[in-house]
Amino acid sequence: MKKIFTGLAAAMALTSTVQAADVTGTVSFTNDYRFRGISQSAGDPAVQGSLDVGFDNGVYAGIWGSNVDFDDDAKLEIDYYVGFANDINDDLSYDVSYGFYTYPGYNTDAEYGELALALYYGDVGFTMAYSDDFFNSGESAQYFGLDYSYGITEAVSLDLHAGYSTGDYWGKVDIDDYQDYSVGISGSVVGLDLSATYLFNSIDNAEEVDKGAFRNDNTLMLSVSRTF
């Protein structure tokens, strides 16, 4: 998968020589960093940021980072991604991407790659993601997500999400297949993007955690971000 990432990055660099680029950066603050229903910051606040470059032909690349807390020496996550997005018609569009997840300074080699395909129809989005070496465990994992956003006003939206995690990795960590859900409100005020989201999931076994690292209890997640 690292070879795939290198090849896509090289293609992006070649494209950039002939296409105009749009560069944006985002800084975010949240009371909990949750990834597919499971906290990556032990339920504590996180500061996150990204830098993205997009080209007129649909090719894009970026870097994203956040503090993490795995109850050991893992303190930082930095992700790299490249992709291609385009419209099929006026209502239907797609996005194909590859992300590479890294944890600098972590004493465990947890780097891994993931391929993803997203389809969008109007206000509905469907995502499929696959890794053959999730969290560098040697085990595969798949994720399926369904999202719907309804515009309450021009500035405020109701956001609904349902996700399904499956694969050999989850059996290895004694969670097995599980679903994650969220209901939220998002909007923009004076240049800030605000959201309040209630998250819950179907995890209900010996691995259920309501405090500390990898907590997966129900929670209200608040976030504020600014894009430059």
C-alpha atoms as a PDB file:
ATOM      1  CA  MET A   1       0.000   0.000   0.000  1.00  0.00           C
ATOM      2  CA  LYS A   2       2.911   2.373   0.590  1.00  0.00           C
ATOM      3  CA  LYS A   3       3.802   1.921  -3.084  1.00  0.00           C
ATOM      4  CA  ILE A   4       0.268   2.909  -4.052  1.00  0.00           C
ATOM      5  CA  PHE A   5       0.539   6.053  -1.936  1.00  0.00           C
ATOM      6  CA  THR A   6       3.902   6.928  -3.527  1.00  0.00           C
ATOM      7  CA  GLY A   7       2.499   6.431  -7.007  1.00  0.00           C
ATOM      8  CA  LEU A   8      -0.567   8.558  -6.355  1.00  0.00           C
ATOM      9  CA  ALA A   9       1.553  11.305  -4.809  1.00  0.00           C
ATOM     10  CA  ALA A  10       3.810  11.308  -7.871  1.00  0.00           C
ATOM     11  CA  ALA A  11       0.785  11.556 -10.150  1.00  0.00           C
ATOM     12  CA  MET A  12      -0.538  14.461  -8.081  1.00  0.00           C
ATOM     13  CA  ALA A  13       2.815  16.247  -8.341  1.00  0.00           C
ATOM     14  CA  LEU A  14       2.880  15.807 -12.127  1.00  0.00           C
ATOM     15  CA  THR A  15      -0.686  17.092 -12.393  1.00  0.00           C
ATOM     16  CA  SER A  16       0.196  20.176 -10.371  1.00  0.00           C
ATOM     17  CA  THR A  17       2.583  21.344 -13.098  1.00  0.00           C
ATOM     18  CA  VAL A  18      -0.282  21.885 -15.521  1.00  0.00           C
ATOM     19  CA  GLN A  19      -3.237  22.703 -13.245  1.00  0.00           C
ATOM     20  CA  ALA A  20      -4.100  25.706 -11.102  1.00  0.00           C
ATOM     21  CA  ALA A  21      -4.094  24.802  -7.408  1.00  0.00           C
ATOM     22  CA  ASP A  22      -6.414  25.877  -4.591  1.00  0.00           C
ATOM     23  CA  VAL A  23      -4.765  25.679  -1.154  1.00  0.00           C
ATOM     24  CA  THR A  24      -6.773  25.739   2.093  1.00  0.00           C
ATOM     25  CA  GLY A  25      -6.013  25.176   5.754  1.00  0.00           C
ATOM     26  CA  THR A  26      -8.313  24.333   8.661  1.00  0.00           C
ATOM     27  CA  VAL A  27      -7.844  24.524  12.434  1.00  0.00           C
ATOM     28  CA  SER A  28     -10.321  22.729  14.704  1.00  0.00           C
ATOM     29  CA  PHE A  29     -10.985  22.267  18.410  1.00  0.00           C
ATOM     30  CA  THR A  30     -13.146  19.435  19.755  1.00  0.00           C
ATOM     31  CA  ASN A  31     -13.934  18.028  23.193  1.00  0.00           C
ATOM     32  CA  ASP A  32     -13.193  14.464  21.997  1.00  0.00           C
ATOM     33  CA  TYR A  33     -11.503  12.967  18.937  1.00  0.00           C
ATOM     34  CA  ARG A  34     -13.708  10.066  17.849  1.00  0.00           C
ATOM     35  CA  PHE A  35     -12.883   7.800  14.920  1.00  0.00           C
ATOM     36  CA  ARG A  36     -15.809   5.627  13.845  1.00  0.00           C
ATOM     37  CA  GLY A  37     -17.361   5.837  17.292  1.00  0.00           C
ATOM     38  CA  ILE A  38     -14.188   5.125  19.311  1.00  0.00           C
ATOM     39  CA  SER A  39     -12.187   7.854  21.045  1.00  0.00           C
ATOM     40  CA  GLN A  40      -8.584   8.387  19.975  1.00  0.00           C
ATOM     41  CA  SER A  41      -7.935  10.969  22.713  1.00  0.00           C
ATOM     42  CA  ALA A  42      -9.197   9.047  25.781  1.00  0.00           C
ATOM     43  CA  GLY A  43     -12.266  11.280  25.839  1.00  0.00           C
ATOM     44  CA  ASP A  44     -10.168  14.422  26.227  1.00  0.00           C
ATOM     45  CA  PRO A  45     -10.153  17.546  23.996  1.00  0.00           C
ATOM     46  CA  ALA A  46      -8.179  17.583  20.765  1.00  0.00           C
ATOM     47  CA  VAL A  47      -6.630  20.262  18.591  1.00  0.00           C
ATOM     48  CA  GLN A  48      -6.658  19.347  14.919  1.00  0.00           C
ATOM     49  CA  GLY A  49      -5.501  20.892  11.684  1.00  0.00           C
ATOM     50  CA  SER A  50      -5.255  20.193   7.976  1.00  0.00           C
ATOM     51  CA  LEU A  51      -3.632  21.589   4.874  1.00  0.00           C
ATOM     52  CA  ASP A  52      -5.164  20.716   1.498  1.00  0.00           C
ATOM     53  CA  VAL A  53      -4.367  21.395  -2.128  1.00  0.00           C
ATOM     54  CA  GLY A  54      -6.917  20.784  -4.882  1.00  0.00           C
ATOM     55  CA  PHE A  55      -6.632  21.047  -8.662  1.00  0.00           C
ATOM     56  CA  ASP A  56      -9.201  21.967 -11.288  1.00  0.00           C
ATOM     57  CA  ASN A  57      -9.223  18.427 -12.704  1.00  0.00           C
ATOM     58  CA  GLY A  58     -10.431  16.903  -9.394  1.00  0.00           C
ATOM     59  CA  VAL A  59      -7.096  15.667  -8.039  1.00  0.00           C
ATOM     60  CA  TYR A  60      -6.369  16.655  -4.428  1.00  0.00           C
ATOM     61  CA  ALA A  61      -3.916  15.901  -1.626  1.00  0.00           C
ATOM     62  CA  GLY A  62      -3.567  16.885   1.991  1.00  0.00           C
ATOM     63  CA  ILE A  63      -2.195  16.341   5.456  1.00  0.00           C
ATOM     64  CA  TRP A  64      -4.208  16.178   8.693  1.00  0.00           C
ATOM     65  CA  GLY A  65      -3.074  16.011  12.306  1.00  0.00           C
ATOM     66  CA  SER A  66      -4.439  15.659  15.832  1.00  0.00           C
ATOM     67  CA  ASN A  67      -3.271  14.887  19.334  1.00  0.00           C
ATOM     68  CA  VAL A  68      -4.132  11.366  20.509  1.00  0.00           C
ATOM     69  CA  ASP A  69      -3.971   9.388  23.764  1.00  0.00           C
ATOM     70  CA  PHE A  70      -3.734   5.582  23.657  1.00  0.00           C
ATOM     71  CA  ASP A  71      -2.830   5.398  27.357  1.00  0.00           C
ATOM     72  CA  ASP A  72       0.847   4.971  26.450  1.00  0.00           C
ATOM     73  CA  ASP A  73       3.391   7.087  24.555  1.00  0.00           C
ATOM     74  CA  ALA A  74       1.125   7.738  21.541  1.00  0.00           C
ATOM     75  CA  LYS A  75       0.573  11.504  21.493  1.00  0.00           C
ATOM     76  CA  LEU A  76       0.247  12.509  17.836  1.00  0.00           C
ATOM     77  CA  GLU A  77      -1.482  11.301  14.671  1.00  0.00           C
ATOM     78  CA  ILE A  78      -0.577  12.636  11.231  1.00  0.00           C
ATOM     79  CA  ASP A  79      -2.444  11.410   8.167  1.00  0.00           C
ATOM     80  CA  TYR A  80      -1.579  11.902   4.504  1.00  0.00           C
ATOM     81  CA  TYR A  81      -4.065  11.483   1.694  1.00  0.00           C
ATOM     82  CA  VAL A  82      -4.470  11.826  -2.050  1.00  0.00           C
ATOM     83  CA  GLY A  83      -7.587  11.385  -4.150  1.00  0.00           C
ATOM     84  CA  PHE A  84      -9.703  12.212  -7.146  1.00  0.00           C
ATOM     85  CA  ALA A  85     -13.258  13.580  -7.078  1.00  0.00           C
ATOM     86  CA  ASN A  86     -15.579  14.240 -10.000  1.00  0.00           C
ATOM     87  CA  ASP A  87     -19.234  14.509 -11.036  1.00  0.00           C
ATOM     88  CA  ILE A  88     -21.004  11.723 -12.892  1.00  0.00           C
ATOM     89  CA  ASN A  89     -24.039  13.917 -13.613  1.00  0.00           C
ATOM     90  CA  ASP A  90     -25.832  16.868 -12.010  1.00  0.00           C
ATOM     91  CA  ASP A  91     -26.922  14.765  -9.000  1.00  0.00           C
ATOM     92  CA  LEU A  92     -24.315  12.026  -8.629  1.00  0.00           C
ATOM     93  CA  SER A  93     -20.611  12.400  -7.805  1.00  0.00           C
ATOM     94  CA  TYR A  94     -17.779  10.232  -6.508  1.00  0.00           C
ATOM     95  CA  ASP A  95     -14.507  10.482  -4.596  1.00  0.00           C
ATOM     96  CA  VAL A  96     -11.724   7.869  -4.680  1.00  0.00           C
ATOM     97  CA  SER A  97      -8.912   8.325  -2.142  1.00  0.00           C
ATOM     98  CA  TYR A  98      -6.013   6.694  -0.354  1.00  0.00           C
ATOM     99  CA  GLY A  99      -5.068   7.659   3.185  1.00  0.00           C
ATOM    100  CA  PHE A 100      -1.932   6.768   5.115  1.00  0.00           C
ATOM    101  CA  TYR A 101      -2.199   6.952   8.923  1.00  0.00           C
ATOM    102  CA  THR A 102       0.935   7.580  10.996  1.00  0.00           C
ATOM    103  CA  TYR A 103       1.734   8.059  14.692  1.00  0.00           C
ATOM    104  CA  PRO A 104       5.115   9.823  15.062  1.00  0.00           C
ATOM    105  CA  GLY A 105       6.987   8.972  18.254  1.00  0.00           C
ATOM    106  CA  TYR A 106       4.811   5.945  19.029  1.00  0.00           C
ATOM    107  CA  ASN A 107       6.825   2.946  20.243  1.00  0.00           C
ATOM    108  CA  THR A 108       4.514   0.622  18.294  1.00  0.00           C
ATOM    109  CA  ASP A 109       4.634   0.553  14.494  1.00  0.00           C
ATOM    110  CA  ALA A 110       0.974   1.309  13.832  1.00  0.00           C
ATOM    111  CA  GLU A 111       1.209   2.947  10.399  1.00  0.00           C
ATOM    112  CA  TYR A 112      -1.276   1.683   7.840  1.00  0.00           C
ATOM    113  CA  GLY A 113      -3.005   2.615   4.603  1.00  0.00           C
ATOM    114  CA  GLU A 114      -6.648   2.613   3.613  1.00  0.00           C
ATOM    115  CA  LEU A 115      -8.469   2.860   0.296  1.00  0.00           C
ATOM    116  CA  ALA A 116     -11.866   4.583   0.213  1.00  0.00           C
ATOM    117  CA  LEU A 117     -14.667   5.175  -2.274  1.00  0.00           C
ATOM    118  CA  ALA A 118     -17.439   7.695  -1.611  1.00  0.00           C
ATOM    119  CA  LEU A 119     -20.604   8.239  -3.653  1.00  0.00           C
ATOM    120  CA  TYR A 120     -22.818  11.300  -3.229  1.00  0.00           C
ATOM    121  CA  TYR A 121     -26.380  11.747  -4.441  1.00  0.00           C
ATOM    122  CA  GLY A 122     -27.931  15.054  -3.454  1.00  0.00           C
ATOM    123  CA  ASP A 123     -27.723  15.297   0.340  1.00  0.00           C
ATOM    124  CA  VAL A 124     -26.895  11.591   0.791  1.00  0.00           C
ATOM    125  CA  GLY A 125     -23.381  10.156   0.934  1.00  0.00           C
ATOM    126  CA  PHE A 126     -22.182   6.538   1.032  1.00  0.00           C
ATOM    127  CA  THR A 127     -18.600   5.585   1.909  1.00  0.00           C
ATOM    128  CA  MET A 128     -16.718   2.287   1.663  1.00  0.00           C
ATOM    129  CA  ALA A 129     -13.189   1.942   3.102  1.00  0.00           C
ATOM    130  CA  TYR A 130     -10.797  -1.007   3.172  1.00  0.00           C
ATOM    131  CA  SER A 131      -7.435  -1.725   4.773  1.00  0.00           C
ATOM    132  CA  ASP A 132      -5.608  -5.044   4.428  1.00  0.00           C
ATOM    133  CA  ASP A 133      -3.391  -4.206   7.431  1.00  0.00           C
ATOM    134  CA  PHE A 134      -5.500  -2.136   9.806  1.00  0.00           C
ATOM    135  CA  PHE A 135      -3.396  -0.414  12.486  1.00  0.00           C
ATOM    136  CA  ASN A 136      -0.463  -2.488  11.180  1.00  0.00           C
ATOM    137  CA  SER A 137      -2.018  -5.563  12.812  1.00  0.00           C
ATOM    138  CA  GLY A 138      -1.763  -7.904   9.830  1.00  0.00           C
ATOM    139  CA  GLU A 139      -5.569  -8.115   9.841  1.00  0.00           C
ATOM    140  CA  SER A 140      -8.058  -6.569   7.427  1.00  0.00           C
ATOM    141  CA  ALA A 141     -10.863  -4.140   8.256  1.00  0.00           C
ATOM    142  CA  GLN A 142     -13.716  -2.655   6.266  1.00  0.00           C
ATOM    143  CA  TYR A 143     -15.964   0.304   6.969  1.00  0.00           C
ATOM    144  CA  PHE A 144     -19.293   1.323   5.447  1.00  0.00           C
ATOM    145  CA  GLY A 145     -20.843   4.687   6.205  1.00  0.00           C
ATOM    146  CA  LEU A 146     -24.125   6.357   5.264  1.00  0.00           C
ATOM    147  CA  ASP A 147     -24.617  10.104   5.792  1.00  0.00           C
ATOM    148  CA  TYR A 148     -27.500  12.486   5.252  1.00  0.00           C
ATOM    149  CA  SER A 149     -27.501  16.251   5.690  1.00  0.00           C
ATOM    150  CA  TYR A 150     -30.732  18.257   5.717  1.00  0.00           C
ATOM    151  CA  GLY A 151     -30.621  22.025   5.435  1.00  0.00           C
ATOM    152  CA  ILE A 152     -32.803  23.456   8.193  1.00  0.00           C
ATOM    153  CA  THR A 153     -31.838  26.965   7.096  1.00  0.00           C
ATOM    154  CA  GLU A 154     -29.215  28.294   4.706  1.00  0.00           C
ATOM    155  CA  ALA A 155     -26.687  28.288   7.567  1.00  0.00           C
ATOM    156  CA  VAL A 156     -27.779  25.335   9.737  1.00  0.00           C
ATOM    157  CA  SER A 157     -27.995  21.615   8.883  1.00  0.00           C
ATOM    158  CA  LEU A 158     -29.246  18.459  10.546  1.00  0.00           C
ATOM    159  CA  ASP A 159     -26.624  15.731  10.094  1.00  0.00           C
ATOM    160  CA  LEU A 160     -27.351  11.990  10.389  1.00  0.00           C
ATOM    161  CA  HIS A 161     -24.780   9.186  10.212  1.00  0.00           C
ATOM    162  CA  ALA A 162     -24.724   5.394  10.418  1.00  0.00           C
ATOM    163  CA  GLY A 163     -21.565   3.326  10.100  1.00  0.00           C
ATOM    164  CA  TYR A 164     -20.618  -0.355  10.122  1.00  0.00           C
ATOM    165  CA  SER A 165     -17.155  -1.687  11.007  1.00  0.00           C
ATOM    166  CA  THR A 166     -16.270  -5.269  10.136  1.00  0.00           C
ATOM    167  CA  GLY A 167     -13.287  -7.460   9.330  1.00  0.00           C
ATOM    168  CA  ASP A 168     -10.757  -9.777  10.950  1.00  0.00           C
ATOM    169  CA  TYR A 169      -9.160  -6.957  12.958  1.00  0.00           C
ATOM    170  CA  TRP A 170     -12.265  -6.351  15.047  1.00  0.00           C
ATOM    171  CA  GLY A 171     -12.555 -10.030  15.884  1.00  0.00           C
ATOM    172  CA  LYS A 172      -8.922 -10.007  16.982  1.00  0.00           C
ATOM    173  CA  VAL A 173      -9.565  -7.219  19.514  1.00  0.00           C
ATOM    174  CA  ASP A 174     -12.759  -8.923  20.797  1.00  0.00           C
ATOM    175  CA  ILE A 175     -15.126  -6.215  19.608  1.00  0.00           C
ATOM    176  CA  ASP A 176     -16.376  -8.023  16.475  1.00  0.00           C
ATOM    177  CA  ASP A 177     -18.584  -6.206  13.978  1.00  0.00           C
ATOM    178  CA  TYR A 178     -20.247  -3.080  15.335  1.00  0.00           C
ATOM    179  CA  GLN A 179     -22.314  -0.104  14.243  1.00  0.00           C
ATOM    180  CA  ASP A 180     -21.811   3.552  15.089  1.00  0.00           C
ATOM    181  CA  TYR A 181     -24.431   6.294  14.806  1.00  0.00           C
ATOM    182  CA  SER A 182     -24.639  10.034  15.252  1.00  0.00           C
ATOM    183  CA  VAL A 183     -27.192  12.839  15.159  1.00  0.00           C
ATOM    184  CA  GLY A 184     -25.959  16.394  14.986  1.00  0.00           C
ATOM    185  CA  ILE A 185     -26.480  20.030  14.160  1.00  0.00           C
ATOM    186  CA  SER A 186     -23.902  22.058  12.249  1.00  0.00           C
ATOM    187  CA  GLY A 187     -23.683  25.596  10.983  1.00  0.00           C
ATOM    188  CA  SER A 188     -21.528  28.642  10.343  1.00  0.00           C
ATOM    189  CA  VAL A 189     -21.322  31.857  12.361  1.00  0.00           C
ATOM    190  CA  VAL A 190     -18.928  34.777  11.727  1.00  0.00           C
ATOM    191  CA  GLY A 191     -16.557  32.590   9.746  1.00  0.00           C
ATOM    192  CA  LEU A 192     -16.555  29.718  12.247  1.00  0.00           C
ATOM    193  CA  ASP A 193     -17.959  26.244  11.567  1.00  0.00           C
ATOM    194  CA  LEU A 194     -19.748  24.910  14.658  1.00  0.00           C
ATOM    195  CA  SER A 195     -21.232  21.492  15.373  1.00  0.00           C
ATOM    196  CA  ALA A 196     -22.855  19.562  18.199  1.00  0.00           C
ATOM    197  CA  THR A 197     -23.175  15.814  17.632  1.00  0.00           C
ATOM    198  CA  TYR A 198     -24.483  12.990  19.791  1.00  0.00           C
ATOM    199  CA  LEU A 199     -22.639   9.710  19.128  1.00  0.00           C
ATOM    200  CA  PHE A 200     -23.608   6.169  20.141  1.00  0.00           C
ATOM    201  CA  ASN A 201     -22.759   2.654  18.965  1.00  0.00           C
ATOM    202  CA  SER A 202     -23.567  -1.037  19.341  1.00  0.00           C
ATOM    203  CA  ILE A 203     -20.402  -2.106  21.197  1.00  0.00           C
ATOM    204  CA  ASP A 204     -21.563  -4.168  24.166  1.00  0.00           C
ATOM    205  CA  ASN A 205     -19.028  -6.703  25.393  1.00  0.00           C
ATOM    206  CA  ALA A 206     -15.881  -7.026  27.496  1.00  0.00           C
ATOM    207  CA  GLU A 207     -14.216  -4.296  25.431  1.00  0.00           C
ATOM    208  CA  GLU A 208     -16.840  -1.667  26.265  1.00  0.00           C
ATOM    209  CA  VAL A 209     -15.003   1.311  27.744  1.00  0.00           C
ATOM    210  CA  ASP A 210     -16.542   4.376  29.388  1.00  0.00           C
ATOM    211  CA  LYS A 211     -13.322   6.120  30.411  1.00  0.00           C
ATOM    212  CA  GLY A 212      -9.663   6.293  29.484  1.00  0.00           C
ATOM    213  CA  ALA A 213      -8.123   5.175  26.200  1.00  0.00           C
ATOM    214  CA  PHE A 214     -10.387   4.007  23.362  1.00  0.00           C
ATOM    215  CA  ARG A 215     -13.563   4.878  25.246  1.00  0.00           C
ATOM    216  CA  ASN A 216     -16.659   4.123  23.201  1.00  0.00           C
ATOM    217  CA  ASP A 217     -19.487   5.253  25.457  1.00  0.00           C
ATOM    218  CA  ASN A 218     -22.257   7.524  24.216  1.00  0.00           C
ATOM    219  CA  THR A 219     -21.148  11.127  24.120  1.00  0.00           C
ATOM    220  CA  LEU A 220     -21.963  14.648  22.987  1.00  0.00           C
ATOM    221  CA  MET A 221     -19.154  15.937  20.798  1.00  0.00           C
ATOM    222  CA  LEU A 222     -18.724  19.688  20.306  1.00  0.00           C
ATOM    223  CA  SER A 223     -16.388  21.244  17.760  1.00  0.00           C
ATOM    224  CA  VAL A 224     -15.434  24.592  16.294  1.00  0.00           C
ATOM    225  CA  SER A 225     -13.249  25.116  13.221  1.00  0.00           C
ATOM    226  CA  ARG A 226     -11.990  27.827  10.933  1.00  0.00           C
ATOM    227  CA  THR A 227     -10.907  27.419   7.316  1.00  0.00           C
ATOM    228  CA  PHE A 228      -8.425  29.818   5.759  1.00  0.00           C
END
